[in-house]
N, C-alpha and C. Protein backbone atom coordinates (compact mmCIF):
# COMPACT_ATOMS: atom_id res chain seq x y z
N MET A 1 -29.78 12.49 30.26
CA MET A 1 -29.32 13.22 29.14
C MET A 1 -27.84 13.04 28.92
N LYS A 2 -27.07 12.97 30.03
CA LYS A 2 -25.62 12.71 29.99
C LYS A 2 -25.36 11.38 29.32
N ARG A 3 -26.23 10.39 29.64
CA ARG A 3 -26.03 9.05 29.06
C ARG A 3 -26.23 9.07 27.54
N VAL A 4 -27.17 9.81 27.01
CA VAL A 4 -27.39 9.90 25.56
C VAL A 4 -26.21 10.59 24.87
N ILE A 5 -25.74 11.65 25.49
CA ILE A 5 -24.60 12.41 24.89
C ILE A 5 -23.30 11.51 24.93
N LEU A 6 -23.12 10.83 26.03
CA LEU A 6 -21.97 9.98 26.12
C LEU A 6 -22.03 8.84 25.10
N THR A 7 -23.18 8.25 24.92
CA THR A 7 -23.45 7.23 23.91
C THR A 7 -23.21 7.71 22.53
N ALA A 8 -23.71 8.95 22.17
CA ALA A 8 -23.50 9.51 20.86
C ALA A 8 -22.03 9.77 20.65
N ILE A 9 -21.28 10.28 21.64
CA ILE A 9 -19.83 10.50 21.44
C ILE A 9 -19.07 9.21 21.26
N LEU A 10 -19.45 8.13 21.99
CA LEU A 10 -18.85 6.85 21.85
C LEU A 10 -19.04 6.24 20.45
N ILE A 11 -20.29 6.33 19.98
CA ILE A 11 -20.57 5.85 18.65
C ILE A 11 -19.89 6.62 17.63
N LEU A 12 -19.78 7.94 17.72
CA LEU A 12 -19.02 8.77 16.80
C LEU A 12 -17.51 8.43 16.78
N ALA A 13 -17.03 8.15 17.97
CA ALA A 13 -15.52 7.82 18.10
C ALA A 13 -15.23 6.46 17.42
N ILE A 14 -16.19 5.60 17.39
CA ILE A 14 -15.98 4.28 16.84
C ILE A 14 -16.12 4.33 15.28
N VAL A 15 -17.16 5.07 14.89
CA VAL A 15 -17.52 5.11 13.43
C VAL A 15 -16.62 6.13 12.66
N ALA A 16 -16.24 7.24 13.24
CA ALA A 16 -15.54 8.30 12.55
C ALA A 16 -14.30 7.85 11.77
N PRO A 17 -13.42 7.00 12.30
CA PRO A 17 -12.25 6.62 11.56
C PRO A 17 -12.54 5.89 10.25
N SER A 18 -13.74 5.34 10.10
CA SER A 18 -14.09 4.59 8.88
C SER A 18 -14.58 5.48 7.78
N PHE A 19 -14.89 6.77 8.07
CA PHE A 19 -15.36 7.61 7.00
C PHE A 19 -14.22 7.88 6.01
N GLY A 20 -14.52 7.93 4.82
CA GLY A 20 -13.53 8.23 3.75
C GLY A 20 -12.71 7.01 3.33
N ARG A 21 -13.04 5.80 3.86
CA ARG A 21 -12.38 4.58 3.47
C ARG A 21 -13.35 3.48 3.18
N LYS A 22 -13.09 2.74 2.12
CA LYS A 22 -13.99 1.64 1.77
C LYS A 22 -13.15 0.39 1.71
N LEU A 23 -13.48 -0.62 2.57
CA LEU A 23 -12.75 -1.86 2.65
C LEU A 23 -12.86 -2.61 1.35
N LEU A 24 -11.65 -2.89 0.76
CA LEU A 24 -11.63 -3.61 -0.52
C LEU A 24 -11.40 -5.10 -0.25
N THR A 25 -10.44 -5.40 0.60
CA THR A 25 -10.19 -6.80 0.95
C THR A 25 -9.33 -6.88 2.23
N ARG A 26 -9.19 -8.06 2.74
CA ARG A 26 -8.30 -8.31 3.93
C ARG A 26 -7.73 -9.68 3.75
N GLY A 27 -6.68 -9.91 4.51
CA GLY A 27 -6.03 -11.22 4.40
C GLY A 27 -4.87 -11.40 5.39
N GLU A 28 -4.12 -12.38 5.23
CA GLU A 28 -3.01 -12.74 6.12
C GLU A 28 -1.68 -12.53 5.38
N SER A 29 -0.75 -11.74 5.92
CA SER A 29 0.49 -11.53 5.20
C SER A 29 1.50 -12.68 5.42
N ASN A 30 1.22 -13.55 6.36
CA ASN A 30 2.17 -14.66 6.65
C ASN A 30 3.50 -14.17 7.06
N THR A 31 3.55 -12.97 7.65
CA THR A 31 4.76 -12.42 8.25
C THR A 31 4.54 -11.90 9.61
N SER A 32 5.54 -11.32 10.23
CA SER A 32 5.37 -10.76 11.58
C SER A 32 4.48 -9.52 11.57
N PHE A 33 4.12 -9.01 10.41
CA PHE A 33 3.24 -7.88 10.26
C PHE A 33 1.77 -8.29 10.48
N GLY A 34 1.47 -9.56 10.39
CA GLY A 34 0.17 -10.12 10.73
C GLY A 34 -0.83 -9.87 9.62
N LYS A 35 -2.06 -9.74 9.97
CA LYS A 35 -3.24 -9.59 9.03
C LYS A 35 -3.18 -8.19 8.44
N TYR A 36 -3.69 -8.05 7.21
CA TYR A 36 -3.75 -6.78 6.61
C TYR A 36 -5.20 -6.43 6.13
N ARG A 37 -5.38 -5.14 5.94
CA ARG A 37 -6.63 -4.60 5.42
C ARG A 37 -6.24 -3.68 4.24
N VAL A 38 -6.92 -3.83 3.14
CA VAL A 38 -6.74 -2.96 2.02
C VAL A 38 -8.03 -2.12 1.81
N GLU A 39 -7.84 -0.82 1.90
CA GLU A 39 -9.01 0.10 1.80
C GLU A 39 -8.82 1.12 0.73
N GLU A 40 -9.86 1.48 0.07
CA GLU A 40 -9.81 2.45 -1.02
C GLU A 40 -10.09 3.80 -0.32
N LEU A 41 -9.24 4.77 -0.53
CA LEU A 41 -9.40 6.08 0.05
C LEU A 41 -10.24 6.97 -0.83
N SER A 42 -11.02 7.80 -0.23
CA SER A 42 -11.90 8.65 -0.95
C SER A 42 -11.21 9.82 -1.70
N GLU A 43 -10.09 10.27 -1.15
CA GLU A 43 -9.29 11.36 -1.70
C GLU A 43 -8.11 10.79 -2.54
N PRO A 44 -7.83 11.29 -3.71
CA PRO A 44 -6.70 10.82 -4.46
C PRO A 44 -5.41 11.41 -3.81
N LEU A 45 -4.31 10.76 -4.17
CA LEU A 45 -2.99 11.31 -3.75
C LEU A 45 -2.41 12.12 -4.90
N LEU A 46 -1.80 13.27 -4.51
CA LEU A 46 -1.16 14.10 -5.51
C LEU A 46 0.37 13.89 -5.48
N ILE A 47 0.87 13.33 -6.54
CA ILE A 47 2.28 13.00 -6.65
C ILE A 47 2.78 13.54 -7.93
N ALA A 48 3.85 14.35 -7.84
CA ALA A 48 4.49 14.99 -9.00
C ALA A 48 3.49 15.73 -9.87
N GLY A 49 2.53 16.41 -9.18
CA GLY A 49 1.49 17.17 -9.87
C GLY A 49 0.41 16.42 -10.54
N LYS A 50 0.33 15.08 -10.28
CA LYS A 50 -0.69 14.26 -10.89
C LYS A 50 -1.56 13.59 -9.84
N GLU A 51 -2.85 13.64 -9.93
CA GLU A 51 -3.77 13.01 -8.99
C GLU A 51 -3.83 11.46 -9.35
N MET A 52 -3.66 10.73 -8.32
CA MET A 52 -3.70 9.29 -8.52
C MET A 52 -4.68 8.59 -7.56
N LYS A 53 -5.34 7.53 -7.95
CA LYS A 53 -6.28 6.82 -7.12
C LYS A 53 -5.44 6.30 -5.97
N ALA A 54 -6.01 6.37 -4.73
CA ALA A 54 -5.27 6.01 -3.51
C ALA A 54 -5.88 4.87 -2.74
N TYR A 55 -5.01 4.07 -2.20
CA TYR A 55 -5.39 2.92 -1.34
C TYR A 55 -4.52 2.95 -0.10
N SER A 56 -5.01 2.32 0.95
CA SER A 56 -4.24 2.17 2.26
C SER A 56 -4.18 0.73 2.60
N ILE A 57 -3.01 0.31 3.05
CA ILE A 57 -2.82 -1.07 3.49
C ILE A 57 -2.38 -0.92 4.98
N THR A 58 -3.10 -1.51 5.88
CA THR A 58 -2.64 -1.46 7.33
C THR A 58 -2.52 -2.90 7.86
N TYR A 59 -1.52 -3.06 8.68
CA TYR A 59 -1.17 -4.36 9.28
C TYR A 59 -1.51 -4.34 10.76
N ASP A 60 -2.17 -5.35 11.24
CA ASP A 60 -2.63 -5.37 12.66
C ASP A 60 -1.52 -5.55 13.70
N GLN A 61 -0.47 -6.28 13.41
CA GLN A 61 0.52 -6.56 14.42
C GLN A 61 1.49 -5.38 14.61
N THR A 62 1.79 -4.65 13.53
CA THR A 62 2.76 -3.54 13.63
C THR A 62 2.14 -2.15 13.61
N GLY A 63 0.88 -2.09 13.13
CA GLY A 63 0.25 -0.79 12.94
C GLY A 63 0.81 -0.04 11.77
N THR A 64 1.69 -0.65 11.01
CA THR A 64 2.26 0.04 9.79
C THR A 64 1.13 0.28 8.76
N GLU A 65 1.18 1.54 8.21
CA GLU A 65 0.18 1.89 7.14
C GLU A 65 1.00 2.27 5.92
N LEU A 66 0.67 1.64 4.82
CA LEU A 66 1.22 1.95 3.50
C LEU A 66 0.17 2.71 2.74
N LYS A 67 0.64 3.76 2.03
CA LYS A 67 -0.28 4.44 1.08
C LYS A 67 0.16 3.97 -0.37
N ILE A 68 -0.84 3.60 -1.10
CA ILE A 68 -0.68 3.08 -2.49
C ILE A 68 -1.25 4.12 -3.42
N ALA A 69 -0.43 4.66 -4.40
CA ALA A 69 -0.95 5.57 -5.37
C ALA A 69 -0.84 4.81 -6.70
N VAL A 70 -1.96 4.74 -7.41
CA VAL A 70 -2.03 4.01 -8.70
C VAL A 70 -2.06 4.94 -9.81
N ASP A 71 -1.03 4.79 -10.67
CA ASP A 71 -0.88 5.62 -11.84
C ASP A 71 -1.09 4.86 -13.07
N ARG A 72 -2.22 4.99 -13.70
CA ARG A 72 -2.55 4.30 -14.95
C ARG A 72 -1.94 5.02 -16.14
N LYS A 73 -1.04 4.34 -16.84
CA LYS A 73 -0.41 4.91 -18.01
C LYS A 73 -0.88 4.19 -19.25
N LYS A 74 -0.48 4.63 -20.41
CA LYS A 74 -0.98 4.00 -21.68
C LYS A 74 -0.64 2.52 -21.72
N GLU A 75 0.60 2.16 -21.43
CA GLU A 75 1.03 0.77 -21.58
C GLU A 75 1.30 0.03 -20.29
N GLU A 76 1.16 0.74 -19.15
CA GLU A 76 1.44 0.05 -17.87
C GLU A 76 0.63 0.73 -16.73
N THR A 77 0.54 0.00 -15.64
CA THR A 77 -0.06 0.53 -14.43
C THR A 77 1.02 0.47 -13.36
N VAL A 78 1.28 1.63 -12.66
CA VAL A 78 2.28 1.63 -11.64
C VAL A 78 1.60 1.85 -10.28
N TYR A 79 2.03 0.98 -9.31
CA TYR A 79 1.55 1.08 -7.97
C TYR A 79 2.63 1.56 -7.11
N TYR A 80 2.60 2.86 -6.76
CA TYR A 80 3.67 3.42 -5.92
C TYR A 80 3.35 3.15 -4.47
N VAL A 81 4.25 2.44 -3.75
CA VAL A 81 4.04 2.06 -2.35
C VAL A 81 4.84 3.05 -1.51
N LEU A 82 4.12 3.90 -0.81
CA LEU A 82 4.72 4.92 0.09
C LEU A 82 4.65 4.48 1.55
N ALA A 83 5.79 4.02 2.06
CA ALA A 83 5.93 3.47 3.41
C ALA A 83 6.76 4.42 4.29
N PRO A 84 6.62 4.29 5.60
CA PRO A 84 7.39 5.14 6.48
C PRO A 84 8.88 5.03 6.32
N GLU A 85 9.43 3.86 6.08
CA GLU A 85 10.86 3.60 5.97
C GLU A 85 11.44 3.87 4.54
N PHE A 86 10.73 3.44 3.54
CA PHE A 86 11.18 3.52 2.20
C PHE A 86 9.99 3.38 1.23
N SER A 87 10.24 3.71 -0.01
CA SER A 87 9.15 3.60 -1.06
C SER A 87 9.70 2.75 -2.25
N VAL A 88 8.76 1.99 -2.86
CA VAL A 88 9.04 1.23 -4.03
C VAL A 88 7.86 1.35 -4.95
N LYS A 89 8.03 0.78 -6.12
CA LYS A 89 6.87 0.70 -7.02
C LYS A 89 6.77 -0.74 -7.57
N TYR A 90 5.50 -1.14 -7.84
CA TYR A 90 5.17 -2.34 -8.43
C TYR A 90 4.51 -2.00 -9.73
N VAL A 91 4.88 -2.72 -10.79
CA VAL A 91 4.44 -2.42 -12.17
C VAL A 91 3.83 -3.56 -12.80
N ASN A 92 2.65 -3.30 -13.46
CA ASN A 92 2.05 -4.27 -14.39
C ASN A 92 2.31 -3.64 -15.79
N ASN A 93 3.22 -4.24 -16.49
CA ASN A 93 3.66 -3.68 -17.78
C ASN A 93 3.02 -4.37 -18.97
N GLY A 94 1.94 -5.18 -18.76
CA GLY A 94 1.34 -5.82 -19.87
C GLY A 94 1.90 -7.26 -20.10
N LYS A 95 3.04 -7.57 -19.43
CA LYS A 95 3.63 -8.88 -19.53
C LYS A 95 3.62 -9.53 -18.17
N TYR A 96 3.98 -8.78 -17.17
CA TYR A 96 4.07 -9.39 -15.79
C TYR A 96 3.88 -8.26 -14.76
N PHE A 97 3.77 -8.64 -13.49
CA PHE A 97 3.59 -7.78 -12.34
C PHE A 97 4.80 -7.99 -11.46
N GLY A 98 5.57 -6.91 -11.22
CA GLY A 98 6.74 -7.06 -10.37
C GLY A 98 7.21 -5.72 -9.79
N ILE A 99 8.23 -5.82 -8.97
CA ILE A 99 8.73 -4.64 -8.20
C ILE A 99 9.77 -3.84 -9.03
N GLY A 100 9.94 -2.58 -8.69
CA GLY A 100 11.03 -1.78 -9.21
C GLY A 100 11.38 -0.63 -8.25
N MET A 101 12.43 0.06 -8.57
CA MET A 101 12.84 1.21 -7.71
C MET A 101 12.00 2.44 -8.12
N THR A 102 11.91 3.40 -7.21
CA THR A 102 11.09 4.63 -7.53
C THR A 102 11.79 5.50 -8.57
N ASP A 103 11.02 6.31 -9.26
CA ASP A 103 11.53 7.21 -10.28
C ASP A 103 12.17 8.44 -9.65
N LYS A 104 12.87 9.20 -10.44
CA LYS A 104 13.47 10.48 -10.03
C LYS A 104 12.36 11.42 -9.61
N LYS A 105 11.22 11.47 -10.26
CA LYS A 105 10.18 12.42 -9.97
C LYS A 105 9.65 12.16 -8.55
N LEU A 106 9.61 10.94 -8.06
CA LEU A 106 9.18 10.66 -6.71
C LEU A 106 10.31 10.98 -5.67
N GLU A 107 11.57 10.75 -6.09
CA GLU A 107 12.66 11.11 -5.22
C GLU A 107 12.70 12.57 -4.92
N LYS A 108 12.34 13.37 -5.89
CA LYS A 108 12.23 14.86 -5.65
C LYS A 108 11.26 15.22 -4.62
N GLU A 109 10.21 14.41 -4.46
CA GLU A 109 9.16 14.68 -3.45
C GLU A 109 9.39 13.96 -2.12
N GLY A 110 10.60 13.30 -2.01
CA GLY A 110 10.95 12.64 -0.76
C GLY A 110 10.58 11.18 -0.64
N PHE A 111 10.08 10.59 -1.73
CA PHE A 111 9.73 9.16 -1.71
C PHE A 111 10.87 8.45 -2.49
N CYS A 112 11.78 7.90 -1.70
CA CYS A 112 12.93 7.23 -2.44
C CYS A 112 13.06 5.80 -1.97
N THR A 113 13.71 4.98 -2.73
CA THR A 113 13.94 3.56 -2.41
C THR A 113 15.27 3.53 -1.66
N ASN A 114 15.14 3.36 -0.30
CA ASN A 114 16.30 3.34 0.53
C ASN A 114 16.76 1.93 0.68
N THR A 115 17.77 1.58 -0.14
CA THR A 115 18.20 0.17 -0.11
C THR A 115 18.83 -0.28 1.17
N GLU A 116 19.31 0.66 2.03
CA GLU A 116 19.92 0.27 3.29
C GLU A 116 18.87 -0.37 4.24
N LYS A 117 17.67 0.04 4.08
CA LYS A 117 16.55 -0.56 4.95
C LYS A 117 15.81 -1.63 4.31
N MET A 118 16.25 -2.09 3.14
CA MET A 118 15.57 -3.11 2.40
C MET A 118 16.33 -4.46 2.39
N ASN A 119 15.53 -5.54 2.33
CA ASN A 119 16.14 -6.85 2.13
C ASN A 119 16.25 -7.01 0.59
N MET A 120 17.51 -6.78 0.10
CA MET A 120 17.71 -6.80 -1.30
C MET A 120 17.51 -8.18 -1.96
N ALA A 121 17.76 -9.19 -1.27
CA ALA A 121 17.59 -10.53 -1.83
C ALA A 121 16.08 -10.73 -2.11
N GLU A 122 15.28 -10.23 -1.16
CA GLU A 122 13.77 -10.38 -1.40
C GLU A 122 13.32 -9.44 -2.49
N TYR A 123 13.99 -8.29 -2.61
CA TYR A 123 13.63 -7.37 -3.70
C TYR A 123 13.82 -8.08 -5.09
N PHE A 124 14.92 -8.76 -5.21
CA PHE A 124 15.19 -9.48 -6.52
C PHE A 124 14.27 -10.61 -6.66
N HIS A 125 13.83 -11.23 -5.63
CA HIS A 125 12.78 -12.38 -5.69
C HIS A 125 11.46 -11.83 -6.17
N GLN A 126 11.21 -10.48 -5.96
CA GLN A 126 9.90 -9.92 -6.36
C GLN A 126 9.91 -9.24 -7.70
N LYS A 127 10.95 -9.40 -8.46
CA LYS A 127 11.00 -8.76 -9.79
C LYS A 127 9.81 -9.22 -10.64
N VAL A 128 9.43 -10.46 -10.51
CA VAL A 128 8.26 -10.96 -11.26
C VAL A 128 7.41 -11.77 -10.23
N LEU A 129 6.24 -11.23 -9.94
CA LEU A 129 5.37 -11.86 -8.96
C LEU A 129 4.19 -12.56 -9.60
N ALA A 130 3.68 -12.10 -10.69
CA ALA A 130 2.54 -12.64 -11.32
C ALA A 130 2.52 -12.27 -12.82
N ASP A 131 1.58 -12.88 -13.55
CA ASP A 131 1.42 -12.53 -14.98
C ASP A 131 0.54 -11.25 -14.99
N ASP A 132 0.19 -10.80 -16.16
CA ASP A 132 -0.56 -9.57 -16.25
C ASP A 132 -2.09 -9.79 -16.29
N LYS A 133 -2.54 -10.93 -15.92
CA LYS A 133 -3.98 -11.31 -16.02
C LYS A 133 -4.76 -11.02 -14.78
N GLY A 134 -4.11 -10.43 -13.73
CA GLY A 134 -4.80 -10.19 -12.46
C GLY A 134 -5.59 -8.88 -12.53
N THR A 135 -6.47 -8.72 -11.48
CA THR A 135 -7.23 -7.56 -11.33
C THR A 135 -6.47 -6.57 -10.34
N GLN A 136 -6.96 -5.40 -10.25
CA GLN A 136 -6.34 -4.42 -9.40
C GLN A 136 -6.37 -4.95 -7.92
N ALA A 137 -7.43 -5.54 -7.49
CA ALA A 137 -7.58 -6.10 -6.15
C ALA A 137 -6.51 -7.20 -5.95
N ASP A 138 -6.36 -8.02 -6.98
CA ASP A 138 -5.31 -9.11 -6.92
C ASP A 138 -3.94 -8.52 -6.64
N TYR A 139 -3.64 -7.49 -7.42
CA TYR A 139 -2.24 -6.85 -7.26
C TYR A 139 -2.07 -6.16 -5.93
N LEU A 140 -3.12 -5.57 -5.40
CA LEU A 140 -3.05 -4.93 -4.09
C LEU A 140 -2.87 -6.00 -3.01
N MET A 141 -3.47 -7.18 -3.16
CA MET A 141 -3.27 -8.23 -2.20
C MET A 141 -1.87 -8.75 -2.30
N LEU A 142 -1.29 -8.85 -3.47
CA LEU A 142 0.12 -9.33 -3.64
C LEU A 142 1.00 -8.28 -2.93
N ILE A 143 0.77 -6.99 -3.16
CA ILE A 143 1.59 -5.98 -2.49
C ILE A 143 1.51 -6.13 -1.01
N ALA A 144 0.30 -6.25 -0.45
CA ALA A 144 0.08 -6.39 0.98
C ALA A 144 0.81 -7.63 1.51
N SER A 145 0.93 -8.69 0.79
CA SER A 145 1.47 -9.96 1.27
C SER A 145 2.99 -9.91 1.14
N TYR A 146 3.50 -9.34 0.06
CA TYR A 146 4.96 -9.38 -0.23
C TYR A 146 5.71 -8.20 0.32
N PHE A 147 5.14 -7.07 0.39
CA PHE A 147 5.90 -5.90 0.93
C PHE A 147 6.57 -6.10 2.26
N PRO A 148 5.95 -6.70 3.27
CA PRO A 148 6.61 -6.92 4.55
C PRO A 148 7.91 -7.64 4.44
N LEU A 149 8.01 -8.51 3.47
CA LEU A 149 9.26 -9.29 3.29
C LEU A 149 10.51 -8.42 2.91
N LEU A 150 10.16 -7.20 2.33
CA LEU A 150 11.23 -6.26 1.96
C LEU A 150 11.89 -5.61 3.14
N CYS A 151 11.23 -5.54 4.24
CA CYS A 151 11.70 -4.90 5.46
C CYS A 151 12.78 -5.83 6.10
N ARG A 152 13.96 -5.26 6.42
CA ARG A 152 15.07 -6.01 6.92
C ARG A 152 14.68 -6.78 8.20
N GLU A 153 13.92 -6.23 9.13
CA GLU A 153 13.66 -6.88 10.39
C GLU A 153 12.55 -7.89 10.34
N THR A 154 11.91 -8.07 9.15
CA THR A 154 10.77 -9.03 9.03
C THR A 154 11.35 -10.43 8.85
N LYS A 155 10.75 -11.37 9.56
CA LYS A 155 11.18 -12.82 9.42
C LYS A 155 10.02 -13.64 8.88
């Protein structure tokens, strides 16, 4: 009986963290952060009083987890990247997909672009990453690949 209970607890411990997350894609960041996993979260993120579709990007070498909140607007889609050190946004404005600083509404909630912890040369290289023809999964993979380069200690 103890063996059955122990086996059940072990299975639950392995399976439980995957509840509420759906694997969207995985890949290699080609940075010291290592491989990444992009997962769709079951619960939306509430930012500035607005519910937004949520994703999680985790890196195997650093254990860093990014939360991505997707805000679909009339003429653009904004991907807010909420990281432990700083936050940025990536925008598909109908012409191109690229990076930008966070808005005042996010700064009021504590999500600000801290330029002291960012590689600003890389920030300017990411102003235009792709055209506007990609899918949401394509853009999330670009974020997962390029975001680690913004961190000062990443080589």
